[in-house]
PDB file of N, CA and C in Angstrom:
ATOM      1  N   MET A   1      12.759  -4.248 -28.087  1.00  0.00           N
ATOM      2  CA  MET A   1      12.397  -2.903 -28.667  1.00  0.00           C
ATOM      3  C   MET A   1      13.383  -3.029 -30.068  1.00  0.00           C
ATOM      4  N   ASP A   2      14.462  -3.559 -29.969  1.00  0.00           N
ATOM      5  CA  ASP A   2      15.395  -3.573 -31.251  1.00  0.00           C
ATOM      6  C   ASP A   2      14.706  -4.272 -32.307  1.00  0.00           C
ATOM      7  N   SER A   3      13.877  -5.273 -32.164  1.00  0.00           N
ATOM      8  CA  SER A   3      13.354  -6.065 -33.265  1.00  0.00           C
ATOM      9  C   SER A   3      11.994  -5.270 -33.622  1.00  0.00           C
ATOM     10  N   LEU A   4      11.499  -4.428 -32.876  1.00  0.00           N
ATOM     11  CA  LEU A   4      10.038  -3.857 -32.973  1.00  0.00           C
ATOM     12  C   LEU A   4      10.288  -2.623 -33.775  1.00  0.00           C
ATOM     13  N   ALA A   5      11.210  -2.001 -33.349  1.00  0.00           N
ATOM     14  CA  ALA A   5      11.693  -0.546 -34.012  1.00  0.00           C
ATOM     15  C   ALA A   5      13.198  -0.466 -34.297  1.00  0.00           C
ATOM     16  N   PRO A   6      13.662  -1.416 -35.180  1.00  0.00           N
ATOM     17  CA  PRO A   6      15.081  -1.244 -35.424  1.00  0.00           C
ATOM     18  C   PRO A   6      15.598  -0.225 -35.902  1.00  0.00           C
ATOM     19  N   GLU A   7      15.065   0.646 -36.771  1.00  0.00           N
ATOM     20  CA  GLU A   7      15.836   1.831 -37.239  1.00  0.00           C
ATOM     21  C   GLU A   7      15.994   2.880 -36.148  1.00  0.00           C
ATOM     22  N   VAL A   8      14.632   3.112 -35.263  1.00  0.00           N
ATOM     23  CA  VAL A   8      14.749   3.926 -34.303  1.00  0.00           C
ATOM     24  C   VAL A   8      15.870   3.441 -33.047  1.00  0.00           C
ATOM     25  N   MET A   9      15.733   2.244 -32.891  1.00  0.00           N
ATOM     26  CA  MET A   9      16.726   1.811 -31.837  1.00  0.00           C
ATOM     27  C   MET A   9      18.325   1.762 -32.408  1.00  0.00           C
ATOM     28  N   LYS A  10      18.381   1.548 -33.648  1.00  0.00           N
ATOM     29  CA  LYS A  10      19.880   1.637 -34.053  1.00  0.00           C
ATOM     30  C   LYS A  10      20.398   3.175 -34.018  1.00  0.00           C
ATOM     31  N   ALA A  11      19.448   4.090 -34.268  1.00  0.00           N
ATOM     32  CA  ALA A  11      19.539   5.458 -34.063  1.00  0.00           C
ATOM     33  C   ALA A  11      19.945   5.792 -32.588  1.00  0.00           C
ATOM     34  N   PHE A  12      19.126   5.292 -31.683  1.00  0.00           N
ATOM     35  CA  PHE A  12      19.296   5.628 -30.333  1.00  0.00           C
ATOM     36  C   PHE A  12      20.695   5.009 -29.646  1.00  0.00           C
ATOM     37  N   TRP A  13      21.038   4.033 -30.137  1.00  0.00           N
ATOM     38  CA  TRP A  13      22.292   3.129 -29.561  1.00  0.00           C
ATOM     39  C   TRP A  13      23.288   3.969 -30.251  1.00  0.00           C
ATOM     40  N   ALA A  14      23.371   4.437 -31.462  1.00  0.00           N
ATOM     41  CA  ALA A  14      24.270   5.082 -31.908  1.00  0.00           C
ATOM     42  C   ALA A  14      24.672   6.472 -30.985  1.00  0.00           C
ATOM     43  N   PHE A  15      23.481   7.208 -31.066  1.00  0.00           N
ATOM     44  CA  PHE A  15      23.479   8.360 -30.058  1.00  0.00           C
ATOM     45  C   PHE A  15      23.945   8.135 -28.778  1.00  0.00           C
ATOM     46  N   ASP A  16      23.590   7.126 -28.189  1.00  0.00           N
ATOM     47  CA  ASP A  16      24.069   6.736 -26.696  1.00  0.00           C
ATOM     48  C   ASP A  16      25.427   6.710 -26.809  1.00  0.00           C
ATOM     49  N   LYS A  17      26.102   5.826 -27.643  1.00  0.00           N
ATOM     50  CA  LYS A  17      27.386   5.498 -27.670  1.00  0.00           C
ATOM     51  C   LYS A  17      28.202   6.877 -27.904  1.00  0.00           C
ATOM     52  N   ALA A  18      27.763   7.420 -28.779  1.00  0.00           N
ATOM     53  CA  ALA A  18      28.598   8.910 -29.244  1.00  0.00           C
ATOM     54  C   ALA A  18      28.536   9.895 -28.125  1.00  0.00           C
ATOM     55  N   ALA A  19      27.360   9.934 -27.187  1.00  0.00           N
ATOM     56  CA  ALA A  19      27.394  10.981 -26.163  1.00  0.00           C
ATOM     57  C   ALA A  19      28.208  10.577 -24.988  1.00  0.00           C
ATOM     58  N   VAL A  20      28.555   9.416 -24.875  1.00  0.00           N
ATOM     59  CA  VAL A  20      29.683   8.898 -23.838  1.00  0.00           C
ATOM     60  C   VAL A  20      31.038   8.944 -24.307  1.00  0.00           C
ATOM     61  N   ALA A  21      31.308   9.067 -25.588  1.00  0.00           N
ATOM     62  CA  ALA A  21      32.667   8.789 -26.229  1.00  0.00           C
ATOM     63  C   ALA A  21      33.356   9.913 -25.702  1.00  0.00           C
ATOM     64  N   GLU A  22      34.896   9.592 -25.646  1.00  0.00           N
ATOM     65  CA  GLU A  22      35.821  10.465 -25.357  1.00  0.00           C
ATOM     66  C   GLU A  22      35.704  11.671 -26.170  1.00  0.00           C
ATOM     67  N   GLY A  23      35.835  12.899 -25.562  1.00  0.00           N
ATOM     68  CA  GLY A  23      35.827  14.257 -26.079  1.00  0.00           C
ATOM     69  C   GLY A  23      36.364  15.314 -25.320  1.00  0.00           C
ATOM     70  N   ALA A  24      35.641  16.548 -25.447  1.00  0.00           N
ATOM     71  CA  ALA A  24      36.252  17.466 -24.489  1.00  0.00           C
ATOM     72  C   ALA A  24      36.090  17.109 -22.728  1.00  0.00           C
ATOM     73  N   ILE A  25      35.136  16.282 -22.545  1.00  0.00           N
ATOM     74  CA  ILE A  25      35.086  15.711 -21.299  1.00  0.00           C
ATOM     75  C   ILE A  25      35.335  14.264 -21.486  1.00  0.00           C
ATOM     76  N   SER A  26      36.174  13.542 -20.439  1.00  0.00           N
ATOM     77  CA  SER A  26      36.704  12.397 -20.456  1.00  0.00           C
ATOM     78  C   SER A  26      35.586  11.413 -20.278  1.00  0.00           C
ATOM     79  N   VAL A  27      35.744  10.146 -20.610  1.00  0.00           N
ATOM     80  CA  VAL A  27      34.638   9.190 -20.556  1.00  0.00           C
ATOM     81  C   VAL A  27      34.459   8.948 -19.143  1.00  0.00           C
ATOM     82  N   LYS A  28      35.349   8.885 -18.302  1.00  0.00           N
ATOM     83  CA  LYS A  28      35.124   8.854 -16.838  1.00  0.00           C
ATOM     84  C   LYS A  28      34.192   9.825 -16.165  1.00  0.00           C
ATOM     85  N   HIS A  29      34.597  11.095 -16.783  1.00  0.00           N
ATOM     86  CA  HIS A  29      33.494  12.205 -16.150  1.00  0.00           C
ATOM     87  C   HIS A  29      32.195  12.099 -16.671  1.00  0.00           C
ATOM     88  N   LYS A  30      32.113  11.753 -17.999  1.00  0.00           N
ATOM     89  CA  LYS A  30      30.752  11.537 -18.637  1.00  0.00           C
ATOM     90  C   LYS A  30      30.035  10.397 -18.058  1.00  0.00           C
ATOM     91  N   GLU A  31      30.556   9.392 -17.545  1.00  0.00           N
ATOM     92  CA  GLU A  31      29.979   8.346 -16.962  1.00  0.00           C
ATOM     93  C   GLU A  31      29.657   8.767 -15.501  1.00  0.00           C
ATOM     94  N   LEU A  32      30.334   9.668 -14.838  1.00  0.00           N
ATOM     95  CA  LEU A  32      30.102  10.044 -13.444  1.00  0.00           C
ATOM     96  C   LEU A  32      28.874  11.138 -13.629  1.00  0.00           C
ATOM     97  N   ILE A  33      28.748  11.657 -14.747  1.00  0.00           N
ATOM     98  CA  ILE A  33      27.530  12.642 -15.007  1.00  0.00           C
ATOM     99  C   ILE A  33      26.305  11.813 -15.154  1.00  0.00           C
ATOM    100  N   ALA A  34      26.580  10.555 -15.960  1.00  0.00           N
ATOM    101  CA  ALA A  34      25.460   9.755 -16.312  1.00  0.00           C
ATOM    102  C   ALA A  34      24.908   8.929 -15.019  1.00  0.00           C
ATOM    103  N   VAL A  35      25.943   8.648 -14.158  1.00  0.00           N
ATOM    104  CA  VAL A  35      25.415   8.258 -12.703  1.00  0.00           C
ATOM    105  C   VAL A  35      24.462   9.242 -11.882  1.00  0.00           C
ATOM    106  N   ALA A  36      25.019  10.398 -12.038  1.00  0.00           N
ATOM    107  CA  ALA A  36      24.353  11.437 -11.283  1.00  0.00           C
ATOM    108  C   ALA A  36      22.793  11.699 -11.849  1.00  0.00           C
ATOM    109  N   VAL A  37      22.768  11.556 -13.151  1.00  0.00           N
ATOM    110  CA  VAL A  37      21.548  11.809 -13.900  1.00  0.00           C
ATOM    111  C   VAL A  37      20.674  10.556 -13.540  1.00  0.00           C
ATOM    112  N   ALA A  38      21.205   9.348 -13.852  1.00  0.00           N
ATOM    113  CA  ALA A  38      20.432   8.147 -13.288  1.00  0.00           C
ATOM    114  C   ALA A  38      19.927   8.168 -11.980  1.00  0.00           C
ATOM    115  N   VAL A  39      20.708   8.818 -11.102  1.00  0.00           N
ATOM    116  CA  VAL A  39      20.157   8.830  -9.504  1.00  0.00           C
ATOM    117  C   VAL A  39      19.058   9.754  -9.575  1.00  0.00           C
ATOM    118  N   THR A  40      19.084  10.936 -10.304  1.00  0.00           N
ATOM    119  CA  THR A  40      18.027  12.011 -10.289  1.00  0.00           C
ATOM    120  C   THR A  40      16.775  11.377 -11.038  1.00  0.00           C
ATOM    121  N   THR A  41      16.964  10.656 -12.018  1.00  0.00           N
ATOM    122  CA  THR A  41      15.669  10.048 -12.741  1.00  0.00           C
ATOM    123  C   THR A  41      15.187   8.869 -12.231  1.00  0.00           C
ATOM    124  N   GLN A  42      16.024   8.347 -11.176  1.00  0.00           N
ATOM    125  CA  GLN A  42      15.647   7.092 -10.411  1.00  0.00           C
ATOM    126  C   GLN A  42      15.413   5.898 -11.322  1.00  0.00           C
ATOM    127  N   CYS A  43      16.454   5.842 -12.123  1.00  0.00           N
ATOM    128  CA  CYS A  43      16.560   4.618 -13.295  1.00  0.00           C
ATOM    129  C   CYS A  43      17.468   3.546 -12.604  1.00  0.00           C
ATOM    130  N   PRO A  44      17.033   2.475 -11.992  1.00  0.00           N
ATOM    131  CA  PRO A  44      17.984   1.356 -11.484  1.00  0.00           C
ATOM    132  C   PRO A  44      18.946   0.790 -12.424  1.00  0.00           C
ATOM    133  N   TYR A  45      18.316   0.587 -13.524  1.00  0.00           N
ATOM    134  CA  TYR A  45      19.224  -0.111 -14.744  1.00  0.00           C
ATOM    135  C   TYR A  45      20.192   0.910 -15.234  1.00  0.00           C
ATOM    136  N   CYS A  46      19.973   2.190 -15.381  1.00  0.00           N
ATOM    137  CA  CYS A  46      20.901   3.312 -15.881  1.00  0.00           C
ATOM    138  C   CYS A  46      21.987   3.424 -14.581  1.00  0.00           C
ATOM    139  N   ILE A  47      21.709   3.535 -13.405  1.00  0.00           N
ATOM    140  CA  ILE A  47      22.592   3.474 -12.256  1.00  0.00           C
ATOM    141  C   ILE A  47      23.570   2.155 -12.422  1.00  0.00           C
ATOM    142  N   ASP A  48      22.920   1.093 -12.581  1.00  0.00           N
ATOM    143  CA  ASP A  48      23.840  -0.165 -12.693  1.00  0.00           C
ATOM    144  C   ASP A  48      24.895   0.010 -13.773  1.00  0.00           C
ATOM    145  N   ILE A  49      24.264   0.496 -15.068  1.00  0.00           N
ATOM    146  CA  ILE A  49      25.117   0.404 -16.290  1.00  0.00           C
ATOM    147  C   ILE A  49      26.253   1.401 -15.953  1.00  0.00           C
ATOM    148  N   HIS A  50      25.849   2.606 -15.611  1.00  0.00           N
ATOM    149  CA  HIS A  50      26.856   3.818 -15.728  1.00  0.00           C
ATOM    150  C   HIS A  50      27.780   3.623 -14.568  1.00  0.00           C
ATOM    151  N   SER A  51      27.353   3.224 -13.384  1.00  0.00           N
ATOM    152  CA  SER A  51      28.259   3.122 -12.249  1.00  0.00           C
ATOM    153  C   SER A  51      29.387   2.231 -12.625  1.00  0.00           C
ATOM    154  N   GLY A  52      28.944   0.958 -13.352  1.00  0.00           N
ATOM    155  CA  GLY A  52      29.858  -0.197 -13.844  1.00  0.00           C
ATOM    156  C   GLY A  52      30.796   0.567 -14.906  1.00  0.00           C
ATOM    157  N   ASN A  53      30.222   1.392 -15.839  1.00  0.00           N
ATOM    158  CA  ASN A  53      31.046   2.026 -16.844  1.00  0.00           C
ATOM    159  C   ASN A  53      32.104   3.017 -16.343  1.00  0.00           C
ATOM    160  N   ALA A  54      31.365   3.706 -15.211  1.00  0.00           N
ATOM    161  CA  ALA A  54      32.494   4.659 -14.482  1.00  0.00           C
ATOM    162  C   ALA A  54      33.625   3.933 -13.918  1.00  0.00           C
ATOM    163  N   ARG A  55      33.364   2.953 -13.087  1.00  0.00           N
ATOM    164  CA  ARG A  55      34.332   2.093 -12.762  1.00  0.00           C
ATOM    165  C   ARG A  55      35.464   1.604 -13.869  1.00  0.00           C
ATOM    166  N   LYS A  56      34.941   1.131 -14.866  1.00  0.00           N
ATOM    167  CA  LYS A  56      35.788   0.546 -15.926  1.00  0.00           C
ATOM    168  C   LYS A  56      36.467   1.714 -16.456  1.00  0.00           C
ATOM    169  N   ALA A  57      35.989   3.139 -16.525  1.00  0.00           N
ATOM    170  CA  ALA A  57      36.916   4.235 -16.940  1.00  0.00           C
ATOM    171  C   ALA A  57      37.763   4.834 -15.845  1.00  0.00           C
ATOM    172  N   GLY A  58      37.824   4.202 -14.764  1.00  0.00           N
ATOM    173  CA  GLY A  58      38.821   4.551 -13.558  1.00  0.00           C
ATOM    174  C   GLY A  58      38.230   5.260 -12.405  1.00  0.00           C
ATOM    175  N   ALA A  59      36.999   5.444 -12.516  1.00  0.00           N
ATOM    176  CA  ALA A  59      36.259   6.130 -11.333  1.00  0.00           C
ATOM    177  C   ALA A  59      36.486   5.245 -10.051  1.00  0.00           C
ATOM    178  N   THR A  60      36.551   5.906  -8.934  1.00  0.00           N
ATOM    179  CA  THR A  60      36.600   5.139  -7.677  1.00  0.00           C
ATOM    180  C   THR A  60      35.175   5.171  -6.905  1.00  0.00           C
ATOM    181  N   ASP A  61      34.884   4.350  -6.113  1.00  0.00           N
ATOM    182  CA  ASP A  61      33.691   4.325  -5.302  1.00  0.00           C
ATOM    183  C   ASP A  61      33.428   5.676  -4.686  1.00  0.00           C
ATOM    184  N   ALA A  62      34.455   6.358  -4.267  1.00  0.00           N
ATOM    185  CA  ALA A  62      34.368   7.623  -3.589  1.00  0.00           C
ATOM    186  C   ALA A  62      33.661   8.697  -4.640  1.00  0.00           C
ATOM    187  N   GLU A  63      34.279   8.559  -5.834  1.00  0.00           N
ATOM    188  CA  GLU A  63      33.879   9.459  -6.949  1.00  0.00           C
ATOM    189  C   GLU A  63      32.360   9.279  -7.220  1.00  0.00           C
ATOM    190  N   ILE A  64      32.031   7.931  -7.423  1.00  0.00           N
ATOM    191  CA  ILE A  64      30.586   7.730  -7.764  1.00  0.00           C
ATOM    192  C   ILE A  64      29.708   8.147  -6.636  1.00  0.00           C
ATOM    193  N   VAL A  65      30.002   7.979  -5.255  1.00  0.00           N
ATOM    194  CA  VAL A  65      29.211   8.463  -4.198  1.00  0.00           C
ATOM    195  C   VAL A  65      29.199  10.045  -4.210  1.00  0.00           C
ATOM    196  N   GLU A  66      30.213  10.507  -4.549  1.00  0.00           N
ATOM    197  CA  GLU A  66      30.223  12.049  -4.526  1.00  0.00           C
ATOM    198  C   GLU A  66      29.348  12.539  -5.852  1.00  0.00           C
ATOM    199  N   ALA A  67      29.446  11.856  -6.744  1.00  0.00           N
ATOM    200  CA  ALA A  67      28.521  12.333  -8.051  1.00  0.00           C
ATOM    201  C   ALA A  67      27.260  12.260  -7.807  1.00  0.00           C
ATOM    202  N   ALA A  68      26.909  10.992  -7.038  1.00  0.00           N
ATOM    203  CA  ALA A  68      25.422  10.791  -6.556  1.00  0.00           C
ATOM    204  C   ALA A  68      25.123  11.816  -5.633  1.00  0.00           C
ATOM    205  N   MET A  69      25.840  12.248  -4.578  1.00  0.00           N
ATOM    206  CA  MET A  69      25.536  13.176  -3.636  1.00  0.00           C
ATOM    207  C   MET A  69      25.253  14.546  -4.350  1.00  0.00           C
ATOM    208  N   VAL A  70      25.890  14.879  -5.289  1.00  0.00           N
ATOM    209  CA  VAL A  70      25.572  16.005  -6.034  1.00  0.00           C
ATOM    210  C   VAL A  70      24.173  15.980  -6.530  1.00  0.00           C
ATOM    211  N   ALA A  71      23.884  15.026  -7.246  1.00  0.00           N
ATOM    212  CA  ALA A  71      22.476  14.817  -7.613  1.00  0.00           C
ATOM    213  C   ALA A  71      21.427  14.915  -6.641  1.00  0.00           C
ATOM    214  N   ALA A  72      21.698  14.185  -5.397  1.00  0.00           N
ATOM    215  CA  ALA A  72      20.878  14.247  -4.533  1.00  0.00           C
ATOM    216  C   ALA A  72      20.537  15.526  -3.794  1.00  0.00           C
ATOM    217  N   SER A  73      21.602  16.418  -3.803  1.00  0.00           N
ATOM    218  CA  SER A  73      21.621  17.778  -3.233  1.00  0.00           C
ATOM    219  C   SER A  73      20.689  18.498  -4.181  1.00  0.00           C
ATOM    220  N   LEU A  74      20.852  18.448  -5.614  1.00  0.00           N
ATOM    221  CA  LEU A  74      20.135  19.223  -6.590  1.00  0.00           C
ATOM    222  C   LEU A  74      18.633  18.899  -6.546  1.00  0.00           C
ATOM    223  N   ARG A  75      18.219  17.406  -6.381  1.00  0.00           N
ATOM    224  CA  ARG A  75      17.063  16.975  -6.166  1.00  0.00           C
ATOM    225  C   ARG A  75      16.450  17.640  -5.100  1.00  0.00           C
ATOM    226  N   ALA A  76      16.921  17.438  -3.912  1.00  0.00           N
ATOM    227  CA  ALA A  76      16.576  18.001  -2.808  1.00  0.00           C
ATOM    228  C   ALA A  76      16.280  19.512  -2.836  1.00  0.00           C
ATOM    229  N   GLY A  77      17.308  20.165  -3.421  1.00  0.00           N
ATOM    230  CA  GLY A  77      17.094  21.624  -3.523  1.00  0.00           C
ATOM    231  C   GLY A  77      15.826  22.091  -4.301  1.00  0.00           C
ATOM    232  N   GLY A  78      15.655  21.145  -5.342  1.00  0.00           N
ATOM    233  CA  GLY A  78      14.363  21.591  -5.995  1.00  0.00           C
ATOM    234  C   GLY A  78      13.091  21.321  -5.037  1.00  0.00           C
ATOM    235  N   ALA A  79      13.055  20.383  -4.370  1.00  0.00           N
ATOM    236  CA  ALA A  79      11.982  20.231  -3.178  1.00  0.00           C
ATOM    237  C   ALA A  79      12.012  21.361  -2.384  1.00  0.00           C
ATOM    238  N   VAL A  80      13.103  21.723  -1.949  1.00  0.00           N
ATOM    239  CA  VAL A  80      13.078  23.006  -0.975  1.00  0.00           C
ATOM    240  C   VAL A  80      12.588  24.332  -1.782  1.00  0.00           C
ATOM    241  N   THR A  81      12.863  24.307  -2.848  1.00  0.00           N
ATOM    242  CA  THR A  81      12.423  25.581  -3.483  1.00  0.00           C
ATOM    243  C   THR A  81      10.976  25.491  -3.872  1.00  0.00           C
ATOM    244  N   HIS A  82      10.517  24.238  -4.355  1.00  0.00           N
ATOM    245  CA  HIS A  82       8.979  24.163  -4.426  1.00  0.00           C
ATOM    246  C   HIS A  82       8.317  24.374  -3.281  1.00  0.00           C
ATOM    247  N   ALA A  83       8.629  24.105  -2.206  1.00  0.00           N
ATOM    248  CA  ALA A  83       8.131  24.064  -0.857  1.00  0.00           C
ATOM    249  C   ALA A  83       7.970  25.507  -0.742  1.00  0.00           C
ATOM    250  N   THR A  84       8.809  26.450  -1.063  1.00  0.00           N
ATOM    251  CA  THR A  84       8.544  27.939  -0.750  1.00  0.00           C
ATOM    252  C   THR A  84       7.019  28.284  -1.182  1.00  0.00           C
ATOM    253  N   HIS A  85       6.705  27.621  -2.160  1.00  0.00           N
ATOM    254  CA  HIS A  85       5.223  27.796  -2.678  1.00  0.00           C
ATOM    255  C   HIS A  85       4.238  27.674  -1.730  1.00  0.00           C
ATOM    256  N   ALA A  86       4.289  26.772  -0.799  1.00  0.00           N
ATOM    257  CA  ALA A  86       3.376  26.557   0.255  1.00  0.00           C
ATOM    258  C   ALA A  86       3.165  27.749   1.229  1.00  0.00           C
ATOM    259  N   LEU A  87       4.280  28.635   1.148  1.00  0.00           N
ATOM    260  CA  LEU A  87       4.182  29.788   2.103  1.00  0.00           C
ATOM    261  C   LEU A  87       3.325  30.928   1.338  1.00  0.00           C
ATOM    262  N   SER A  88       3.205  30.738   0.213  1.00  0.00           N
ATOM    263  CA  SER A  88       2.439  31.928  -0.586  1.00  0.00           C
ATOM    264  C   SER A  88       1.079  31.466  -0.915  1.00  0.00           C
ATOM    265  N   ILE A  89       0.557  30.334  -0.342  1.00  0.00           N
ATOM    266  CA  ILE A  89      -0.810  29.898  -0.398  1.00  0.00           C
ATOM    267  C   ILE A  89      -1.744  30.419   0.649  1.00  0.00           C
TER     268      ILE A  89
END
C-alpha cells in the first residue's frame, strides 16, 4: 500500500503515530483503548500490534484482559439491545 498510495499512506502513518502519542491520556492507556477497539472490530493484526505496544508501555496481562472484557461487554450489550427489536415484530 505504501508504494501504491505513498502520500495517503504517509498521512495515515503520521496520524496513527500522533493518535497514540503521549498526551492527556498516557500511551499505556491509549494502547489499552486500542486493544479494546481492536477486539471490537475483530482485527487480529491490530490486536497483536496494540497488545504488544500496551505491554511495552507497561500494561500487564490483567490490564489487557480487562480492556478486552470491557470491549466484549459493550459488543454483547449492542446485541442484547438489538435483540429487543425482535420483541416488537
